[in-house]
Amino acid sequence: MAQDPQTPPVLLDRALLHGRQRRAQAQGAVSFLLDRVAEDMCDRLAAVMREFHTAADLWTPGEGLAVLRARLPSIERIELDASGAEKLPFAPESLDLVVSALALQFVNDLPGVLAQIRRALRPDGLLLAAMIGGDSLTELRQAFAAAEAECEGGVSPRVAPFADLRDVGSLLQRAGFALPVTDVDRVVVRYANAFALMHDIRRMGAANVLIERRRTPSRRSTLLRMAEIYAQRFADADGRIRATFDIIWLSGWAPHASQQQPLKPGSAKASLAEAVQKARKE
């Protein structure tokens, strides 16, 4: 049966993601990225000069934003459920603030989720979120592709595709957010070897959840060759390897009359040509 062109493709197994996140929490999650995001989110919200009376934390893993509750004790946590459903339980115009930390990269229908958030926000309500994107784990992706091509004669999907900065900004506008802003925090982490990196990814609950992932265990020879290629291409002088994580920050407001509005075409009181001529004279 052909897929409905209006239905976004299902690339990620969110039910599997739920199970892996639960397992990572039980074993002791690796949280250095989430801790960094939580601290940064508190700083960014502190710079917003307004109060938020009703707020929701959308799908942040574990207790990732527990530090934020000191400022917003009434914040409601929306946890990823076992089905991985992407339909949000928010009534229209019921929230002043929605936050999310390192969760939206695992969404199949990001435009749809952003549209749901936009409908749930009251006028002048804020969305502030951080997600993994850009060139994250590019080194691991390249090393696996080279090793599989060499050892097995083909390549299997190992790392989910990530949205880039421009895509995310466009999606915010498409969902109807006013004053959309995006930026990237690039974090480069060093490890003893590729296997230490993969251990951390599993303990983040972020191992491969692609629907089209390989279902059989990787060959030992392929894994060893992958680690060799990784070290050859992405190691520093001391032998430790680098791993890139791009944290994309996105924010947008539900439209409100009090917000700054763009000027209407033709309403400017001075022309660019006049400004240039004046600058040359000075």
Protein backbone atom coordinates (compact mmCIF):
# COMPACT_ATOMS: atom_id res chain seq x y z
CA MET A 1 0.00 0.00 0.00
CA ALA A 2 1.36 3.42 -0.96
CA GLN A 3 1.99 5.85 1.87
CA ASP A 4 -0.28 8.86 2.15
CA PRO A 5 1.82 11.83 0.90
CA GLN A 6 0.31 13.94 3.69
CA THR A 7 1.60 11.55 6.36
CA PRO A 8 5.21 12.13 7.49
CA PRO A 9 7.45 9.07 7.12
CA VAL A 10 8.01 7.10 10.31
CA LEU A 11 11.80 6.87 10.61
CA LEU A 12 12.21 6.37 14.35
CA ASP A 13 10.92 3.65 16.67
CA ARG A 14 9.78 5.79 19.58
CA ALA A 15 8.49 2.81 21.56
CA LEU A 16 12.02 1.39 21.45
CA LEU A 17 13.34 4.82 22.45
CA HIS A 18 11.09 4.75 25.52
CA GLY A 19 12.48 1.39 26.56
CA ARG A 20 16.08 2.44 26.05
CA GLN A 21 15.64 5.64 28.00
CA ARG A 22 14.07 3.72 30.88
CA ARG A 23 16.94 1.23 30.84
CA ALA A 24 19.54 4.02 30.80
CA GLN A 25 17.89 5.70 33.80
CA ALA A 26 17.86 2.41 35.71
CA GLN A 27 21.54 1.76 34.98
CA GLY A 28 22.65 5.32 35.75
CA ALA A 29 22.28 7.69 32.83
CA VAL A 30 25.20 9.62 31.34
CA SER A 31 23.90 13.18 31.62
CA PHE A 32 26.68 15.65 30.87
CA LEU A 33 24.93 16.99 27.74
CA LEU A 34 21.57 17.20 29.48
CA ASP A 35 23.15 18.93 32.48
CA ARG A 36 24.73 21.50 30.17
CA VAL A 37 21.40 22.14 28.46
CA ALA A 38 19.53 22.45 31.78
CA GLU A 39 21.97 25.07 33.07
CA ASP A 40 21.83 27.00 29.80
CA MET A 41 18.02 26.84 29.75
CA CYS A 42 17.81 28.33 33.24
CA ASP A 43 20.10 31.19 32.14
CA ARG A 44 18.06 31.84 29.00
CA LEU A 45 14.77 31.91 30.90
CA ALA A 46 16.28 34.19 33.54
CA ALA A 47 16.89 36.74 30.78
CA VAL A 48 13.18 36.75 29.86
CA MET A 49 11.55 39.51 31.89
CA ARG A 50 8.15 37.97 32.48
CA GLU A 51 6.42 35.37 34.63
CA PHE A 52 5.14 32.01 33.40
CA HIS A 53 2.18 30.70 35.37
CA THR A 54 1.48 27.51 33.44
CA ALA A 55 4.39 25.59 31.93
CA ALA A 56 5.10 22.14 30.51
CA ASP A 57 8.31 20.15 30.08
CA LEU A 58 7.91 18.08 26.91
CA TRP A 59 9.62 14.67 26.78
CA THR A 60 12.87 15.68 28.47
CA PRO A 61 14.55 12.39 29.50
CA GLY A 62 14.49 11.46 33.19
CA GLU A 63 14.96 14.32 35.62
CA GLY A 64 16.89 16.38 33.11
CA LEU A 65 15.20 19.69 33.95
CA ALA A 66 14.77 19.16 37.69
CA VAL A 67 16.88 22.27 38.31
CA LEU A 68 14.28 24.36 36.45
CA ARG A 69 11.60 23.48 38.99
CA ALA A 70 13.28 25.74 41.54
CA ARG A 71 12.06 28.63 39.40
CA LEU A 72 8.91 26.99 38.02
CA PRO A 73 7.64 24.58 40.69
CA SER A 74 4.31 24.12 38.90
CA ILE A 75 5.88 22.93 35.64
CA GLU A 76 4.14 19.83 34.32
CA ARG A 77 6.28 16.98 33.00
CA ILE A 78 5.03 15.29 29.85
CA GLU A 79 6.92 12.01 29.69
CA LEU A 80 7.42 9.89 26.61
CA ASP A 81 4.97 7.01 26.97
CA ALA A 82 5.51 3.39 26.01
CA SER A 83 3.78 3.84 22.65
CA GLY A 84 5.92 6.83 21.69
CA ALA A 85 2.82 8.77 20.60
CA GLU A 86 3.38 12.29 19.29
CA LYS A 87 -0.09 13.67 19.99
CA LEU A 88 0.21 16.23 22.79
CA PRO A 89 -2.26 16.42 25.70
CA PHE A 90 -2.58 20.21 25.68
CA ALA A 91 -5.77 22.22 25.31
CA PRO A 92 -5.61 25.21 22.93
CA GLU A 93 -4.14 28.37 24.53
CA SER A 94 -3.60 26.63 27.87
CA LEU A 95 0.13 27.26 28.47
CA ASP A 96 2.46 30.22 28.94
CA LEU A 97 5.64 28.23 28.40
CA VAL A 98 6.76 24.95 26.82
CA VAL A 99 10.33 23.73 27.31
CA SER A 100 12.03 20.60 26.00
CA ALA A 101 15.59 19.34 26.42
CA LEU A 102 17.25 16.85 24.05
CA ALA A 103 13.99 15.23 22.98
CA LEU A 104 12.79 16.78 19.73
CA GLN A 105 15.54 15.08 17.66
CA PHE A 106 13.62 11.83 18.24
CA VAL A 107 10.35 13.11 16.74
CA ASN A 108 9.06 11.69 13.46
CA ASP A 109 6.73 14.62 12.70
CA LEU A 110 8.57 17.68 14.00
CA PRO A 111 6.44 20.16 11.98
CA GLY A 112 3.31 18.58 13.47
CA VAL A 113 4.63 18.68 17.03
CA LEU A 114 5.68 22.33 16.68
CA ALA A 115 2.22 23.18 15.33
CA GLN A 116 0.62 21.46 18.34
CA ILE A 117 2.85 23.43 20.72
CA ARG A 118 1.98 26.67 18.94
CA ARG A 119 -1.76 25.97 19.36
CA ALA A 120 -1.27 25.15 23.05
CA LEU A 121 0.45 28.44 23.84
CA ARG A 122 -1.51 31.49 24.91
CA PRO A 123 -0.79 34.71 23.02
CA ASP A 124 2.75 35.81 23.94
CA GLY A 125 3.54 32.32 25.22
CA LEU A 126 7.06 30.99 24.71
CA LEU A 127 8.60 27.79 23.34
CA LEU A 128 12.22 27.20 24.40
CA ALA A 129 13.84 23.92 23.42
CA ALA A 130 17.21 22.31 22.74
CA MET A 131 17.72 19.35 20.42
CA ILE A 132 20.63 17.44 18.96
CA GLY A 133 21.18 18.36 15.31
CA GLY A 134 23.61 19.62 12.70
CA ASP A 135 26.85 17.65 12.43
CA SER A 136 26.38 15.66 15.63
CA LEU A 137 28.26 12.34 15.65
CA THR A 138 29.57 12.95 12.14
CA GLU A 139 32.82 11.20 13.07
CA LEU A 140 31.05 8.03 14.20
CA ARG A 141 28.83 8.05 11.12
CA GLN A 142 31.83 8.34 8.77
CA ALA A 143 33.87 5.69 10.59
CA PHE A 144 31.02 3.16 10.54
CA ALA A 145 30.26 3.79 6.86
CA ALA A 146 33.90 3.29 5.86
CA ALA A 147 34.29 0.14 7.98
CA GLU A 148 31.08 -1.49 6.71
CA ALA A 149 31.89 -0.68 3.09
CA GLU A 150 35.33 -2.21 3.51
CA CYS A 151 34.41 -5.27 5.61
CA GLU A 152 30.87 -6.08 4.47
CA GLY A 153 30.51 -4.51 1.04
CA GLY A 154 27.59 -2.27 2.07
CA VAL A 155 26.43 0.34 4.56
CA SER A 156 23.58 0.12 7.08
CA PRO A 157 21.95 3.12 8.81
CA ARG A 158 23.68 3.67 12.16
CA VAL A 159 22.97 7.29 13.12
CA ALA A 160 19.62 9.00 12.60
CA PRO A 161 19.59 12.05 10.31
CA PHE A 162 19.62 15.35 12.19
CA ALA A 163 17.92 18.63 11.33
CA ASP A 164 20.18 21.58 10.64
CA LEU A 165 19.85 25.12 11.94
CA ARG A 166 18.14 26.59 8.88
CA ASP A 167 15.61 23.76 8.71
CA VAL A 168 14.61 24.29 12.34
CA GLY A 169 14.20 28.05 11.85
CA SER A 170 11.99 27.45 8.82
CA LEU A 171 9.85 24.96 10.75
CA LEU A 172 9.26 27.49 13.54
CA GLN A 173 8.01 30.02 10.99
CA ARG A 174 5.89 27.41 9.25
CA ALA A 175 4.26 26.50 12.58
CA GLY A 176 3.24 30.14 13.11
CA PHE A 177 5.73 31.26 15.76
CA ALA A 178 6.60 34.93 15.99
CA LEU A 179 10.15 36.19 16.56
CA PRO A 180 11.77 32.78 15.94
CA VAL A 181 15.40 32.43 17.02
CA THR A 182 17.82 29.52 16.53
CA ASP A 183 21.47 29.07 17.45
CA VAL A 184 23.96 26.22 17.91
CA ASP A 185 26.11 25.23 20.86
CA ARG A 186 28.84 22.92 19.53
CA VAL A 187 30.26 20.55 22.14
CA VAL A 188 33.35 18.48 21.30
CA VAL A 189 33.93 15.61 23.71
CA ARG A 190 37.11 13.52 23.80
CA TYR A 191 37.21 9.80 24.47
CA ALA A 192 39.84 7.11 24.85
CA ASN A 193 38.32 5.22 21.90
CA ALA A 194 35.14 4.76 19.86
CA PHE A 195 33.82 2.07 22.19
CA ALA A 196 33.84 4.51 25.12
CA LEU A 197 31.77 6.92 23.01
CA MET A 198 29.29 4.18 22.10
CA HIS A 199 28.98 3.25 25.78
CA ASP A 200 28.02 6.84 26.62
CA ILE A 201 25.47 6.95 23.79
CA ARG A 202 23.79 3.81 25.15
CA ARG A 203 23.77 5.24 28.67
CA MET A 204 22.10 8.37 27.32
CA GLY A 205 19.31 6.14 26.01
CA ALA A 206 20.19 7.44 22.56
CA ALA A 207 21.39 4.34 20.70
CA ASN A 208 20.11 3.65 17.19
CA VAL A 209 16.27 3.64 17.05
CA LEU A 210 15.88 3.89 13.28
CA ILE A 211 13.09 1.70 11.92
CA GLU A 212 15.46 0.58 9.15
CA ARG A 213 18.30 -0.18 11.57
CA ARG A 214 20.29 -3.37 11.27
CA ARG A 215 18.61 -6.12 13.32
CA THR A 216 21.58 -8.52 13.59
CA PRO A 217 24.67 -7.97 15.80
CA SER A 218 27.56 -6.19 14.14
CA ARG A 219 30.54 -8.28 13.16
CA ARG A 220 33.44 -8.05 15.56
CA SER A 221 35.80 -7.41 12.65
CA THR A 222 33.65 -4.49 11.46
CA LEU A 223 33.55 -2.91 14.92
CA LEU A 224 37.31 -3.20 15.35
CA ARG A 225 37.89 -1.70 11.91
CA MET A 226 35.46 1.11 12.69
CA ALA A 227 37.44 1.95 15.84
CA GLU A 228 40.69 1.93 13.83
CA ILE A 229 39.28 4.26 11.17
CA TYR A 230 37.86 6.57 13.84
CA ALA A 231 41.27 6.82 15.53
CA GLN A 232 43.05 7.38 12.22
CA ARG A 233 40.77 10.20 11.10
CA PHE A 234 39.60 11.91 14.28
CA ALA A 235 42.24 11.50 16.99
CA ASP A 236 44.26 14.27 18.61
CA ALA A 237 48.02 14.12 19.12
CA ASP A 238 47.57 12.32 22.45
CA GLY A 239 45.55 9.54 20.80
CA ARG A 240 42.16 10.49 22.21
CA ILE A 241 39.32 10.75 19.70
CA ARG A 242 36.88 13.63 19.19
CA ALA A 243 33.09 13.40 19.09
CA THR A 244 30.95 16.35 17.98
CA PHE A 245 27.56 17.16 19.46
CA ASP A 246 25.66 20.14 17.99
CA ILE A 247 22.94 21.36 20.35
CA ILE A 248 20.41 23.41 18.39
CA TRP A 249 18.49 25.93 20.46
CA LEU A 250 15.12 27.10 19.21
CA SER A 251 12.67 29.61 20.58
CA GLY A 252 9.54 31.28 19.35
CA TRP A 253 6.53 33.16 20.69
CA ALA A 254 2.84 32.77 20.09
CA PRO A 255 1.87 35.98 18.25
CA HIS A 256 0.59 38.90 20.33
CA ALA A 257 -0.19 42.55 19.52
CA SER A 258 2.45 43.78 21.99
CA GLN A 259 5.31 42.14 20.08
CA GLN A 260 7.59 44.05 17.76
CA GLN A 261 6.16 44.04 14.24
CA PRO A 262 8.02 44.38 10.93
CA LEU A 263 7.48 47.64 9.03
CA LYS A 264 5.10 47.58 6.12
CA PRO A 265 6.77 47.75 2.68
CA GLY A 266 7.24 51.36 1.62
CA SER A 267 6.75 52.80 5.11
CA ALA A 268 10.43 53.65 5.74
CA LYS A 269 11.14 57.36 6.23
CA ALA A 270 14.70 57.21 4.88
CA SER A 271 16.11 55.36 1.88
CA LEU A 272 19.21 53.17 1.83
CA ALA A 273 20.69 55.26 -0.99
CA GLU A 274 20.42 58.45 1.10
CA ALA A 275 22.09 56.74 4.05
CA VAL A 276 25.00 55.57 1.87
CA GLN A 277 25.49 59.03 0.37
CA LYS A 278 25.47 60.60 3.83
CA ALA A 279 28.06 58.12 5.10
CA ARG A 280 30.36 58.86 2.15
CA LYS A 281 30.19 62.60 2.82
CA GLU A 282 31.07 62.08 6.47
